[in-house]
PDB file of N, CA and C in Angstrom:
ATOM      1  N   MET A   1       5.425 138.000  -0.178  1.00  0.00           N
ATOM      2  CA  MET A   1       4.597 139.026  -0.759  1.00  0.00           C
ATOM      3  C   MET A   1       5.306 140.379  -0.746  1.00  0.00           C
ATOM      4  N   ASN A   2       6.090 140.665   0.283  1.00  0.00           N
ATOM      5  CA  ASN A   2       6.773 141.952   0.343  1.00  0.00           C
ATOM      6  C   ASN A   2       7.782 142.120  -0.783  1.00  0.00           C
ATOM      7  N   ARG A   3       8.409 141.012  -1.228  1.00  0.00           N
ATOM      8  CA  ARG A   3       9.333 141.119  -2.359  1.00  0.00           C
ATOM      9  C   ARG A   3       8.585 141.495  -3.628  1.00  0.00           C
ATOM     10  N   VAL A   4       7.372 140.977  -3.775  1.00  0.00           N
ATOM     11  CA  VAL A   4       6.564 141.332  -4.935  1.00  0.00           C
ATOM     12  C   VAL A   4       6.240 142.819  -4.890  1.00  0.00           C
ATOM     13  N   LEU A   5       5.840 143.309  -3.731  1.00  0.00           N
ATOM     14  CA  LEU A   5       5.536 144.740  -3.592  1.00  0.00           C
ATOM     15  C   LEU A   5       6.758 145.597  -3.869  1.00  0.00           C
ATOM     16  N   ALA A   6       7.891 145.222  -3.303  1.00  0.00           N
ATOM     17  CA  ALA A   6       9.115 145.998  -3.511  1.00  0.00           C
ATOM     18  C   ALA A   6       9.476 146.036  -4.990  1.00  0.00           C
ATOM     19  N   LYS A   7       9.366 144.905  -5.655  1.00  0.00           N
ATOM     20  CA  LYS A   7       9.668 144.840  -7.080  1.00  0.00           C
ATOM     21  C   LYS A   7       8.720 145.733  -7.882  1.00  0.00           C
ATOM     22  N   ARG A   8       7.419 145.657  -7.543  1.00  0.00           N
ATOM     23  CA  ARG A   8       6.418 146.475  -8.220  1.00  0.00           C
ATOM     24  C   ARG A   8       6.668 147.960  -7.961  1.00  0.00           C
ATOM     25  N   ASP A   9       6.947 148.313  -6.692  1.00  0.00           N
ATOM     26  CA  ASP A   9       7.203 149.713  -6.346  1.00  0.00           C
ATOM     27  C   ASP A   9       8.424 150.246  -7.077  1.00  0.00           C
ATOM     28  N   ASN A  10       9.480 149.438  -7.141  1.00  0.00           N
ATOM     29  CA  ASN A  10      10.680 149.867  -7.867  1.00  0.00           C
ATOM     30  C   ASN A  10      10.376 150.062  -9.342  1.00  0.00           C
ATOM     31  N   TYR A  11       9.602 149.147  -9.916  1.00  0.00           N
ATOM     32  CA  TYR A  11       9.230 149.283 -11.325  1.00  0.00           C
ATOM     33  C   TYR A  11       8.433 150.563 -11.536  1.00  0.00           C
ATOM     34  N   PHE A  12       7.444 150.791 -10.677  1.00  0.00           N
ATOM     35  CA  PHE A  12       6.628 152.000 -10.792  1.00  0.00           C
ATOM     36  C   PHE A  12       7.500 153.254 -10.675  1.00  0.00           C
ATOM     37  N   ARG A  13       8.389 153.256  -9.673  1.00  0.00           N
ATOM     38  CA  ARG A  13       9.248 154.419  -9.456  1.00  0.00           C
ATOM     39  C   ARG A  13      10.202 154.608 -10.633  1.00  0.00           C
ATOM     40  N   ASP A  14      10.864 153.537 -11.056  1.00  0.00           N
ATOM     41  CA  ASP A  14      11.832 153.627 -12.149  1.00  0.00           C
ATOM     42  C   ASP A  14      11.187 154.098 -13.443  1.00  0.00           C
ATOM     43  N   ASN A  15       9.946 153.729 -13.657  1.00  0.00           N
ATOM     44  CA  ASN A  15       9.260 154.116 -14.886  1.00  0.00           C
ATOM     45  C   ASN A  15       8.332 155.309 -14.691  1.00  0.00           C
ATOM     46  N   GLN A  16       8.450 155.965 -13.553  1.00  0.00           N
ATOM     47  CA  GLN A  16       7.710 157.188 -13.224  1.00  0.00           C
ATOM     48  C   GLN A  16       6.198 157.011 -13.334  1.00  0.00           C
ATOM     49  N   ILE A  17       5.718 155.822 -13.029  1.00  0.00           N
ATOM     50  CA  ILE A  17       4.287 155.564 -13.115  1.00  0.00           C
ATOM     51  C   ILE A  17       3.542 156.203 -11.949  1.00  0.00           C
ATOM     52  N   LEU A  18       4.162 156.218 -10.757  1.00  0.00           N
ATOM     53  CA  LEU A  18       3.472 156.780  -9.595  1.00  0.00           C
ATOM     54  C   LEU A  18       3.159 158.259  -9.782  1.00  0.00           C
ATOM     55  N   ASP A  19       3.995 158.961 -10.543  1.00  0.00           N
ATOM     56  CA  ASP A  19       3.795 160.395 -10.752  1.00  0.00           C
ATOM     57  C   ASP A  19       3.259 160.710 -12.142  1.00  0.00           C
ATOM     58  N   SER A  20       2.725 159.729 -12.823  1.00  0.00           N
ATOM     59  CA  SER A  20       2.233 159.945 -14.180  1.00  0.00           C
ATOM     60  C   SER A  20       0.717 159.810 -14.218  1.00  0.00           C
ATOM     61  N   PRO A  21       0.115 160.196 -15.342  1.00  0.00           N
ATOM     62  CA  PRO A  21      -1.336 160.053 -15.454  1.00  0.00           C
ATOM     63  C   PRO A  21      -1.794 158.624 -15.765  1.00  0.00           C
ATOM     64  N   VAL A  22      -0.868 157.669 -15.802  1.00  0.00           N
ATOM     65  CA  VAL A  22      -1.218 156.279 -16.080  1.00  0.00           C
ATOM     66  C   VAL A  22      -2.100 155.748 -14.960  1.00  0.00           C
ATOM     67  N   LYS A  23      -3.195 155.107 -15.311  1.00  0.00           N
ATOM     68  CA  LYS A  23      -4.100 154.509 -14.343  1.00  0.00           C
ATOM     69  C   LYS A  23      -3.730 153.039 -14.172  1.00  0.00           C
ATOM     70  N   THR A  24      -3.799 152.566 -12.945  1.00  0.00           N
ATOM     71  CA  THR A  24      -3.473 151.167 -12.676  1.00  0.00           C
ATOM     72  C   THR A  24      -4.708 150.434 -12.176  1.00  0.00           C
ATOM     73  N   LEU A  25      -4.833 149.172 -12.580  1.00  0.00           N
ATOM     74  CA  LEU A  25      -5.907 148.296 -12.128  1.00  0.00           C
ATOM     75  C   LEU A  25      -5.259 147.104 -11.459  1.00  0.00           C
ATOM     76  N   PHE A  26      -5.745 146.776 -10.268  1.00  0.00           N
ATOM     77  CA  PHE A  26      -5.208 145.622  -9.542  1.00  0.00           C
ATOM     78  C   PHE A  26      -6.301 144.588  -9.348  1.00  0.00           C
ATOM     79  N   ASN A  27      -5.997 143.357  -9.713  1.00  0.00           N
ATOM     80  CA  ASN A  27      -6.887 142.232  -9.476  1.00  0.00           C
ATOM     81  C   ASN A  27      -6.170 141.308  -8.496  1.00  0.00           C
ATOM     82  N   PRO A  28      -6.728 141.089  -7.292  1.00  0.00           N
ATOM     83  CA  PRO A  28      -6.019 140.344  -6.256  1.00  0.00           C
ATOM     84  C   PRO A  28      -6.054 138.826  -6.386  1.00  0.00           C
ATOM     85  N   ALA A  29      -6.394 138.308  -7.546  1.00  0.00           N
ATOM     86  CA  ALA A  29      -6.488 136.855  -7.706  1.00  0.00           C
ATOM     87  C   ALA A  29      -5.107 136.213  -7.713  1.00  0.00           C
ATOM     88  N   PRO A  30      -4.938 135.127  -7.023  1.00  0.00           N
ATOM     89  CA  PRO A  30      -5.861 134.569  -6.043  1.00  0.00           C
ATOM     90  C   PRO A  30      -5.771 135.376  -4.750  1.00  0.00           C
ATOM     91  N   ALA A  31      -6.904 135.696  -4.175  1.00  0.00           N
ATOM     92  CA  ALA A  31      -6.964 136.556  -3.001  1.00  0.00           C
ATOM     93  C   ALA A  31      -6.436 135.863  -1.756  1.00  0.00           C
ATOM     94  N   ILE A  32      -5.822 136.677  -0.901  1.00  0.00           N
ATOM     95  CA  ILE A  32      -5.406 136.214   0.427  1.00  0.00           C
ATOM     96  C   ILE A  32      -5.973 137.202   1.444  1.00  0.00           C
ATOM     97  N   ALA A  33      -6.363 136.708   2.585  1.00  0.00           N
ATOM     98  CA  ALA A  33      -7.041 137.543   3.576  1.00  0.00           C
ATOM     99  C   ALA A  33      -6.168 138.686   4.086  1.00  0.00           C
ATOM    100  N   ASP A  34      -4.873 138.443   4.201  1.00  0.00           N
ATOM    101  CA  ASP A  34      -3.988 139.483   4.742  1.00  0.00           C
ATOM    102  C   ASP A  34      -3.208 140.205   3.637  1.00  0.00           C
ATOM    103  N   LEU A  35      -3.909 140.609   2.605  1.00  0.00           N
ATOM    104  CA  LEU A  35      -3.296 141.338   1.493  1.00  0.00           C
ATOM    105  C   LEU A  35      -2.602 142.592   2.017  1.00  0.00           C
ATOM    106  N   ASP A  36      -1.402 142.846   1.550  1.00  0.00           N
ATOM    107  CA  ASP A  36      -0.656 144.028   1.976  1.00  0.00           C
ATOM    108  C   ASP A  36      -1.477 145.283   1.697  1.00  0.00           C
ATOM    109  N   PRO A  37      -1.653 146.167   2.675  1.00  0.00           N
ATOM    110  CA  PRO A  37      -2.486 147.358   2.518  1.00  0.00           C
ATOM    111  C   PRO A  37      -2.067 148.287   1.376  1.00  0.00           C
ATOM    112  N   GLN A  38      -0.810 148.235   0.978  1.00  0.00           N
ATOM    113  CA  GLN A  38      -0.367 149.104  -0.121  1.00  0.00           C
ATOM    114  C   GLN A  38      -1.086 148.795  -1.432  1.00  0.00           C
ATOM    115  N   PHE A  39      -1.511 147.560  -1.615  1.00  0.00           N
ATOM    116  CA  PHE A  39      -2.211 147.219  -2.847  1.00  0.00           C
ATOM    117  C   PHE A  39      -3.503 148.014  -2.992  1.00  0.00           C
ATOM    118  N   TYR A  40      -4.129 148.342  -1.867  1.00  0.00           N
ATOM    119  CA  TYR A  40      -5.362 149.121  -1.920  1.00  0.00           C
ATOM    120  C   TYR A  40      -5.087 150.577  -2.281  1.00  0.00           C
ATOM    121  N   THR A  41      -4.015 151.127  -1.753  1.00  0.00           N
ATOM    122  CA  THR A  41      -3.766 152.559  -1.935  1.00  0.00           C
ATOM    123  C   THR A  41      -3.008 152.891  -3.213  1.00  0.00           C
ATOM    124  N   LEU A  42      -2.238 151.960  -3.750  1.00  0.00           N
ATOM    125  CA  LEU A  42      -1.437 152.260  -4.945  1.00  0.00           C
ATOM    126  C   LEU A  42      -2.145 151.929  -6.250  1.00  0.00           C
ATOM    127  N   SER A  43      -3.321 151.353  -6.180  1.00  0.00           N
ATOM    128  CA  SER A  43      -4.060 151.003  -7.389  1.00  0.00           C
ATOM    129  C   SER A  43      -5.193 152.004  -7.590  1.00  0.00           C
ATOM    130  N   ASP A  44      -5.353 152.463  -8.815  1.00  0.00           N
ATOM    131  CA  ASP A  44      -6.457 153.380  -9.106  1.00  0.00           C
ATOM    132  C   ASP A  44      -7.784 152.638  -9.106  1.00  0.00           C
ATOM    133  N   VAL A  45      -7.774 151.432  -9.670  1.00  0.00           N
ATOM    134  CA  VAL A  45      -8.981 150.608  -9.733  1.00  0.00           C
ATOM    135  C   VAL A  45      -8.643 149.258  -9.115  1.00  0.00           C
ATOM    136  N   PHE A  46      -9.468 148.836  -8.168  1.00  0.00           N
ATOM    137  CA  PHE A  46      -9.300 147.547  -7.505  1.00  0.00           C
ATOM    138  C   PHE A  46     -10.461 146.684  -7.963  1.00  0.00           C
ATOM    139  N   CYS A  47     -10.174 145.593  -8.665  1.00  0.00           N
ATOM    140  CA  CYS A  47     -11.221 144.771  -9.265  1.00  0.00           C
ATOM    141  C   CYS A  47     -11.072 143.320  -8.818  1.00  0.00           C
ATOM    142  N   CYS A  48     -12.122 142.799  -8.183  1.00  0.00           N
ATOM    143  CA  CYS A  48     -12.105 141.402  -7.752  1.00  0.00           C
ATOM    144  C   CYS A  48     -13.471 140.779  -7.990  1.00  0.00           C
ATOM    145  N   ASN A  49     -13.539 139.464  -7.877  1.00  0.00           N
ATOM    146  CA  ASN A  49     -14.837 138.798  -8.012  1.00  0.00           C
ATOM    147  C   ASN A  49     -15.443 138.598  -6.625  1.00  0.00           C
ATOM    148  N   GLU A  50     -16.637 138.017  -6.586  1.00  0.00           N
ATOM    149  CA  GLU A  50     -17.335 137.912  -5.303  1.00  0.00           C
ATOM    150  C   GLU A  50     -16.621 137.016  -4.302  1.00  0.00           C
ATOM    151  N   SER A  51     -16.021 135.917  -4.750  1.00  0.00           N
ATOM    152  CA  SER A  51     -15.337 135.042  -3.790  1.00  0.00           C
ATOM    153  C   SER A  51     -14.079 135.714  -3.250  1.00  0.00           C
ATOM    154  N   GLU A  52     -13.379 136.462  -4.087  1.00  0.00           N
ATOM    155  CA  GLU A  52     -12.207 137.209  -3.604  1.00  0.00           C
ATOM    156  C   GLU A  52     -12.642 138.300  -2.629  1.00  0.00           C
ATOM    157  N   ALA A  53     -13.766 138.964  -2.914  1.00  0.00           N
ATOM    158  CA  ALA A  53     -14.284 139.995  -2.007  1.00  0.00           C
ATOM    159  C   ALA A  53     -14.615 139.382  -0.647  1.00  0.00           C
ATOM    160  N   GLU A  54     -15.162 138.175  -0.641  1.00  0.00           N
ATOM    161  CA  GLU A  54     -15.463 137.501   0.625  1.00  0.00           C
ATOM    162  C   GLU A  54     -14.194 137.241   1.423  1.00  0.00           C
ATOM    163  N   ILE A  55     -13.150 136.777   0.749  1.00  0.00           N
ATOM    164  CA  ILE A  55     -11.875 136.506   1.422  1.00  0.00           C
ATOM    165  C   ILE A  55     -11.282 137.791   1.982  1.00  0.00           C
ATOM    166  N   LEU A  56     -11.330 138.862   1.209  1.00  0.00           N
ATOM    167  CA  LEU A  56     -10.711 140.124   1.610  1.00  0.00           C
ATOM    168  C   LEU A  56     -11.470 140.850   2.712  1.00  0.00           C
ATOM    169  N   THR A  57     -12.795 140.665   2.766  1.00  0.00           N
ATOM    170  CA  THR A  57     -13.603 141.436   3.717  1.00  0.00           C
ATOM    171  C   THR A  57     -14.234 140.601   4.827  1.00  0.00           C
ATOM    172  N   SER A  58     -14.220 139.296   4.687  1.00  0.00           N
ATOM    173  CA  SER A  58     -14.910 138.377   5.615  1.00  0.00           C
ATOM    174  C   SER A  58     -16.425 138.582   5.618  1.00  0.00           C
ATOM    175  N   LEU A  59     -16.957 139.176   4.550  1.00  0.00           N
ATOM    176  CA  LEU A  59     -18.398 139.342   4.388  1.00  0.00           C
ATOM    177  C   LEU A  59     -18.897 138.356   3.340  1.00  0.00           C
ATOM    178  N   ALA A  60     -20.080 137.804   3.553  1.00  0.00           N
ATOM    179  CA  ALA A  60     -20.688 136.937   2.544  1.00  0.00           C
ATOM    180  C   ALA A  60     -21.173 137.806   1.388  1.00  0.00           C
ATOM    181  N   VAL A  61     -20.861 137.385   0.176  1.00  0.00           N
ATOM    182  CA  VAL A  61     -21.288 138.131  -1.012  1.00  0.00           C
ATOM    183  C   VAL A  61     -22.139 137.197  -1.863  1.00  0.00           C
ATOM    184  N   GLY A  62     -23.456 137.311  -1.708  1.00  0.00           N
ATOM    185  CA  GLY A  62     -24.369 136.449  -2.447  1.00  0.00           C
ATOM    186  C   GLY A  62     -25.345 137.219  -3.311  1.00  0.00           C
ATOM    187  N   SER A  63     -25.209 138.541  -3.317  1.00  0.00           N
ATOM    188  CA  SER A  63     -26.131 139.379  -4.084  1.00  0.00           C
ATOM    189  C   SER A  63     -25.435 140.695  -4.422  1.00  0.00           C
ATOM    190  N   PRO A  64     -26.004 141.456  -5.351  1.00  0.00           N
ATOM    191  CA  PRO A  64     -25.435 142.774  -5.635  1.00  0.00           C
ATOM    192  C   PRO A  64     -25.403 143.685  -4.395  1.00  0.00           C
ATOM    193  N   ALA A  65     -26.411 143.592  -3.538  1.00  0.00           N
ATOM    194  CA  ALA A  65     -26.415 144.411  -2.313  1.00  0.00           C
ATOM    195  C   ALA A  65     -25.244 144.019  -1.401  1.00  0.00           C
ATOM    196  N   ASP A  66     -24.993 142.711  -1.265  1.00  0.00           N
ATOM    197  CA  ASP A  66     -23.857 142.242  -0.473  1.00  0.00           C
ATOM    198  C   ASP A  66     -22.545 142.729  -1.079  1.00  0.00           C
ATOM    199  N   ALA A  67     -22.457 142.672  -2.407  1.00  0.00           N
ATOM    200  CA  ALA A  67     -21.249 143.125  -3.094  1.00  0.00           C
ATOM    201  C   ALA A  67     -21.017 144.612  -2.847  1.00  0.00           C
ATOM    202  N   GLY A  68     -22.091 145.384  -2.802  1.00  0.00           N
ATOM    203  CA  GLY A  68     -21.968 146.811  -2.507  1.00  0.00           C
ATOM    204  C   GLY A  68     -21.377 147.046  -1.132  1.00  0.00           C
ATOM    205  N   LYS A  69     -21.818 146.277  -0.148  1.00  0.00           N
ATOM    206  CA  LYS A  69     -21.282 146.399   1.214  1.00  0.00           C
ATOM    207  C   LYS A  69     -19.797 146.039   1.243  1.00  0.00           C
ATOM    208  N   ALA A  70     -19.436 144.952   0.565  1.00  0.00           N
ATOM    209  CA  ALA A  70     -18.034 144.535   0.516  1.00  0.00           C
ATOM    210  C   ALA A  70     -17.185 145.571  -0.215  1.00  0.00           C
ATOM    211  N   ALA A  71     -17.719 146.131  -1.294  1.00  0.00           N
ATOM    212  CA  ALA A  71     -16.983 147.146  -2.053  1.00  0.00           C
ATOM    213  C   ALA A  71     -16.694 148.370  -1.191  1.00  0.00           C
ATOM    214  N   LEU A  72     -17.643 148.756  -0.360  1.00  0.00           N
ATOM    215  CA  LEU A  72     -17.431 149.904   0.530  1.00  0.00           C
ATOM    216  C   LEU A  72     -16.337 149.611   1.557  1.00  0.00           C
ATOM    217  N   VAL A  73     -16.297 148.385   2.073  1.00  0.00           N
ATOM    218  CA  VAL A  73     -15.238 148.006   3.013  1.00  0.00           C
ATOM    219  C   VAL A  73     -13.880 148.090   2.330  1.00  0.00           C
ATOM    220  N   ILE A  74     -13.804 147.576   1.111  1.00  0.00           N
ATOM    221  CA  ILE A  74     -12.541 147.620   0.366  1.00  0.00           C
ATOM    222  C   ILE A  74     -12.155 149.063   0.067  1.00  0.00           C
ATOM    223  N   MET A  75     -13.124 149.886  -0.324  1.00  0.00           N
ATOM    224  CA  MET A  75     -12.825 151.282  -0.637  1.00  0.00           C
ATOM    225  C   MET A  75     -12.295 152.027   0.590  1.00  0.00           C
ATOM    226  N   GLU A  76     -12.802 151.700   1.770  1.00  0.00           N
ATOM    227  CA  GLU A  76     -12.328 152.334   3.008  1.00  0.00           C
ATOM    228  C   GLU A  76     -10.851 152.066   3.266  1.00  0.00           C
ATOM    229  N   ARG A  77     -10.296 151.071   2.610  1.00  0.00           N
ATOM    230  CA  ARG A  77      -8.875 150.734   2.783  1.00  0.00           C
ATOM    231  C   ARG A  77      -7.976 151.598   1.905  1.00  0.00           C
ATOM    232  N   GLY A  78      -8.571 152.510   1.132  1.00  0.00           N
ATOM    233  CA  GLY A  78      -7.763 153.459   0.380  1.00  0.00           C
ATOM    234  C   GLY A  78      -7.919 153.433  -1.119  1.00  0.00           C
ATOM    235  N   CYS A  79      -8.782 152.585  -1.640  1.00  0.00           N
ATOM    236  CA  CYS A  79      -8.988 152.508  -3.090  1.00  0.00           C
ATOM    237  C   CYS A  79      -9.768 153.728  -3.585  1.00  0.00           C
ATOM    238  N   GLN A  80      -9.517 154.106  -4.814  1.00  0.00           N
ATOM    239  CA  GLN A  80     -10.285 155.172  -5.443  1.00  0.00           C
ATOM    240  C   GLN A  80     -11.552 154.615  -6.089  1.00  0.00           C
ATOM    241  N   VAL A  81     -11.424 153.454  -6.742  1.00  0.00           N
ATOM    242  CA  VAL A  81     -12.547 152.802  -7.414  1.00  0.00           C
ATOM    243  C   VAL A  81     -12.480 151.310  -7.093  1.00  0.00           C
ATOM    244  N   VAL A  82     -13.631 150.730  -6.777  1.00  0.00           N
ATOM    245  CA  VAL A  82     -13.704 149.286  -6.519  1.00  0.00           C
ATOM    246  C   VAL A  82     -14.775 148.703  -7.432  1.00  0.00           C
ATOM    247  N   ILE A  83     -14.415 147.626  -8.106  1.00  0.00           N
ATOM    248  CA  ILE A  83     -15.355 146.869  -8.942  1.00  0.00           C
ATOM    249  C   ILE A  83     -15.375 145.442  -8.410  1.00  0.00           C
ATOM    250  N   ILE A  84     -16.571 144.935  -8.121  1.00  0.00           N
ATOM    251  CA  ILE A  84     -16.707 143.527  -7.755  1.00  0.00           C
ATOM    252  C   ILE A  84     -17.536 142.871  -8.853  1.00  0.00           C
ATOM    253  N   THR A  85     -16.908 141.925  -9.544  1.00  0.00           N
ATOM    254  CA  THR A  85     -17.606 141.236 -10.620  1.00  0.00           C
ATOM    255  C   THR A  85     -18.459 140.121 -10.040  1.00  0.00           C
ATOM    256  N   LEU A  86     -19.619 139.910 -10.673  1.00  0.00           N
ATOM    257  CA  LEU A  86     -20.603 138.961 -10.158  1.00  0.00           C
ATOM    258  C   LEU A  86     -21.015 137.927 -11.198  1.00  0.00           C
ATOM    259  N   GLY A  87     -20.153 137.631 -12.138  1.00  0.00           N
ATOM    260  CA  GLY A  87     -20.492 136.649 -13.168  1.00  0.00           C
ATOM    261  C   GLY A  87     -21.711 137.080 -13.960  1.00  0.00           C
ATOM    262  N   ALA A  88     -22.691 136.203 -14.058  1.00  0.00           N
ATOM    263  CA  ALA A  88     -23.896 136.476 -14.846  1.00  0.00           C
ATOM    264  C   ALA A  88     -24.732 137.627 -14.288  1.00  0.00           C
ATOM    265  N   GLU A  89     -24.456 138.019 -13.046  1.00  0.00           N
ATOM    266  CA  GLU A  89     -25.199 139.123 -12.427  1.00  0.00           C
ATOM    267  C   GLU A  89     -24.595 140.490 -12.735  1.00  0.00           C
ATOM    268  N   GLY A  90     -23.463 140.532 -13.464  1.00  0.00           N
ATOM    269  CA  GLY A  90     -22.841 141.809 -13.815  1.00  0.00           C
ATOM    270  C   GLY A  90     -21.753 142.183 -12.840  1.00  0.00           C
ATOM    271  N   CYS A  91     -21.829 143.417 -12.316  1.00  0.00           N
ATOM    272  CA  CYS A  91     -20.830 143.871 -11.349  1.00  0.00           C
ATOM    273  C   CYS A  91     -21.414 144.990 -10.501  1.00  0.00           C
ATOM    274  N   VAL A  92     -20.688 145.321  -9.449  1.00  0.00           N
ATOM    275  CA  VAL A  92     -21.027 146.451  -8.591  1.00  0.00           C
ATOM    276  C   VAL A  92     -19.811 147.361  -8.554  1.00  0.00           C
ATOM    277  N   VAL A  93     -20.059 148.668  -8.676  1.00  0.00           N
ATOM    278  CA  VAL A  93     -18.991 149.660  -8.699  1.00  0.00           C
ATOM    279  C   VAL A  93     -19.232 150.702  -7.622  1.00  0.00           C
ATOM    280  N   VAL A  94     -18.168 151.077  -6.915  1.00  0.00           N
ATOM    281  CA  VAL A  94     -18.197 152.215  -6.004  1.00  0.00           C
ATOM    282  C   VAL A  94     -16.925 153.019  -6.249  1.00  0.00           C
ATOM    283  N   SER A  95     -16.975 154.295  -5.929  1.00  0.00           N
ATOM    284  CA  SER A  95     -15.773 155.131  -6.056  1.00  0.00           C
ATOM    285  C   SER A  95     -15.805 156.217  -5.001  1.00  0.00           C
ATOM    286  N   GLN A  96     -14.663 156.821  -4.789  1.00  0.00           N
ATOM    287  CA  GLN A  96     -14.582 157.920  -3.830  1.00  0.00           C
ATOM    288  C   GLN A  96     -15.497 159.071  -4.252  1.00  0.00           C
ATOM    289  N   THR A  97     -15.651 159.282  -5.555  1.00  0.00           N
ATOM    290  CA  THR A  97     -16.509 160.376  -6.024  1.00  0.00           C
ATOM    291  C   THR A  97     -17.979 159.982  -6.088  1.00  0.00           C
ATOM    292  N   GLU A  98     -18.262 158.680  -6.201  1.00  0.00           N
ATOM    293  CA  GLU A  98     -19.644 158.173  -6.212  1.00  0.00           C
ATOM    294  C   GLU A  98     -19.722 156.957  -5.294  1.00  0.00           C
ATOM    295  N   PRO A  99     -19.804 157.200  -3.966  1.00  0.00           N
ATOM    296  CA  PRO A  99     -19.731 156.097  -3.011  1.00  0.00           C
ATOM    297  C   PRO A  99     -20.988 155.228  -2.900  1.00  0.00           C
ATOM    298  N   ALA A 100     -22.076 155.624  -3.504  1.00  0.00           N
ATOM    299  CA  ALA A 100     -23.271 154.773  -3.473  1.00  0.00           C
ATOM    300  C   ALA A 100     -23.046 153.596  -4.420  1.00  0.00           C
ATOM    301  N   PRO A 101     -23.123 152.358  -3.921  1.00  0.00           N
ATOM    302  CA  PRO A 101     -22.893 151.203  -4.794  1.00  0.00           C
ATOM    303  C   PRO A 101     -23.841 151.202  -5.994  1.00  0.00           C
ATOM    304  N   LYS A 102     -23.266 150.957  -7.163  1.00  0.00           N
ATOM    305  CA  LYS A 102     -24.060 150.902  -8.388  1.00  0.00           C
ATOM    306  C   LYS A 102     -23.956 149.511  -8.986  1.00  0.00           C
ATOM    307  N   HIS A 103     -25.099 148.843  -9.129  1.00  0.00           N
ATOM    308  CA  HIS A 103     -25.140 147.522  -9.753  1.00  0.00           C
ATOM    309  C   HIS A 103     -25.293 147.721 -11.258  1.00  0.00           C
ATOM    310  N   ILE A 104     -24.396 147.114 -12.014  1.00  0.00           N
ATOM    311  CA  ILE A 104     -24.462 147.160 -13.470  1.00  0.00           C
ATOM    312  C   ILE A 104     -24.761 145.744 -13.947  1.00  0.00           C
ATOM    313  N   PRO A 105     -26.020 145.481 -14.310  1.00  0.00           N
ATOM    314  CA  PRO A 105     -26.387 144.117 -14.743  1.00  0.00           C
ATOM    315  C   PRO A 105     -25.843 143.828 -16.141  1.00  0.00           C
ATOM    316  N   THR A 106     -25.825 142.565 -16.479  1.00  0.00           N
ATOM    317  CA  THR A 106     -25.417 142.157 -17.824  1.00  0.00           C
ATOM    318  C   THR A 106     -26.604 141.534 -18.534  1.00  0.00           C
ATOM    319  N   ASP A 107     -26.526 141.528 -19.841  1.00  0.00           N
ATOM    320  CA  ASP A 107     -27.525 140.814 -20.633  1.00  0.00           C
ATOM    321  C   ASP A 107     -27.179 139.325 -20.604  1.00  0.00           C
ATOM    322  N   LYS A 108     -28.177 138.502 -20.639  1.00  0.00           N
ATOM    323  CA  LYS A 108     -27.951 137.056 -20.684  1.00  0.00           C
ATOM    324  C   LYS A 108     -27.407 136.694 -22.062  1.00  0.00           C
ATOM    325  N   VAL A 109     -26.352 135.904 -22.070  1.00  0.00           N
ATOM    326  CA  VAL A 109     -25.769 135.439 -23.326  1.00  0.00           C
ATOM    327  C   VAL A 109     -25.493 133.947 -23.215  1.00  0.00           C
ATOM    328  N   LYS A 110     -25.374 133.303 -24.344  1.00  0.00           N
ATOM    329  CA  LYS A 110     -24.994 131.901 -24.358  1.00  0.00           C
ATOM    330  C   LYS A 110     -23.498 131.823 -24.536  1.00  0.00           C
ATOM    331  N   ALA A 111     -22.806 131.236 -23.565  1.00  0.00           N
ATOM    332  CA  ALA A 111     -21.353 131.103 -23.645  1.00  0.00           C
ATOM    333  C   ALA A 111     -20.982 130.140 -24.760  1.00  0.00           C
ATOM    334  N   VAL A 112     -20.031 130.551 -25.596  1.00  0.00           N
ATOM    335  CA  VAL A 112     -19.581 129.720 -26.688  1.00  0.00           C
ATOM    336  C   VAL A 112     -18.298 128.998 -26.285  1.00  0.00           C
ATOM    337  N   ASP A 113     -17.389 129.724 -25.650  1.00  0.00           N
ATOM    338  CA  ASP A 113     -16.119 129.138 -25.238  1.00  0.00           C
ATOM    339  C   ASP A 113     -15.677 129.854 -23.968  1.00  0.00           C
ATOM    340  N   THR A 114     -15.502 129.139 -22.893  1.00  0.00           N
ATOM    341  CA  THR A 114     -15.127 129.749 -21.619  1.00  0.00           C
ATOM    342  C   THR A 114     -13.649 129.639 -21.315  1.00  0.00           C
ATOM    343  N   THR A 115     -12.848 129.205 -22.284  1.00  0.00           N
ATOM    344  CA  THR A 115     -11.406 129.075 -22.042  1.00  0.00           C
ATOM    345  C   THR A 115     -10.672 130.322 -22.425  1.00  0.00           C
TER     346      THR A 115
END
């Protein structure tokens, strides 16, 4: 994993992304419990699903309220914005500027193609 980080950091540095207005989004799939802490601090938006949030935080995520708790734990690790997707239940968003978890529901739709 450290080689991946080093490669990413070199790419960011070489392309001046760390000092630019470019926003980065990190999705930790497939999640591992001991994710390198730099992934939390170097990403502007950290986006994972509920099962990944469970792996990363060791908290059960079975509802939007649970997702809010997990999002706050992830945000405490240095993220600016955390989004936890909940499938048909929508998502939960927290940020350093708006730390109260916000559940954003989705409208029910009929899936046509899931591939």
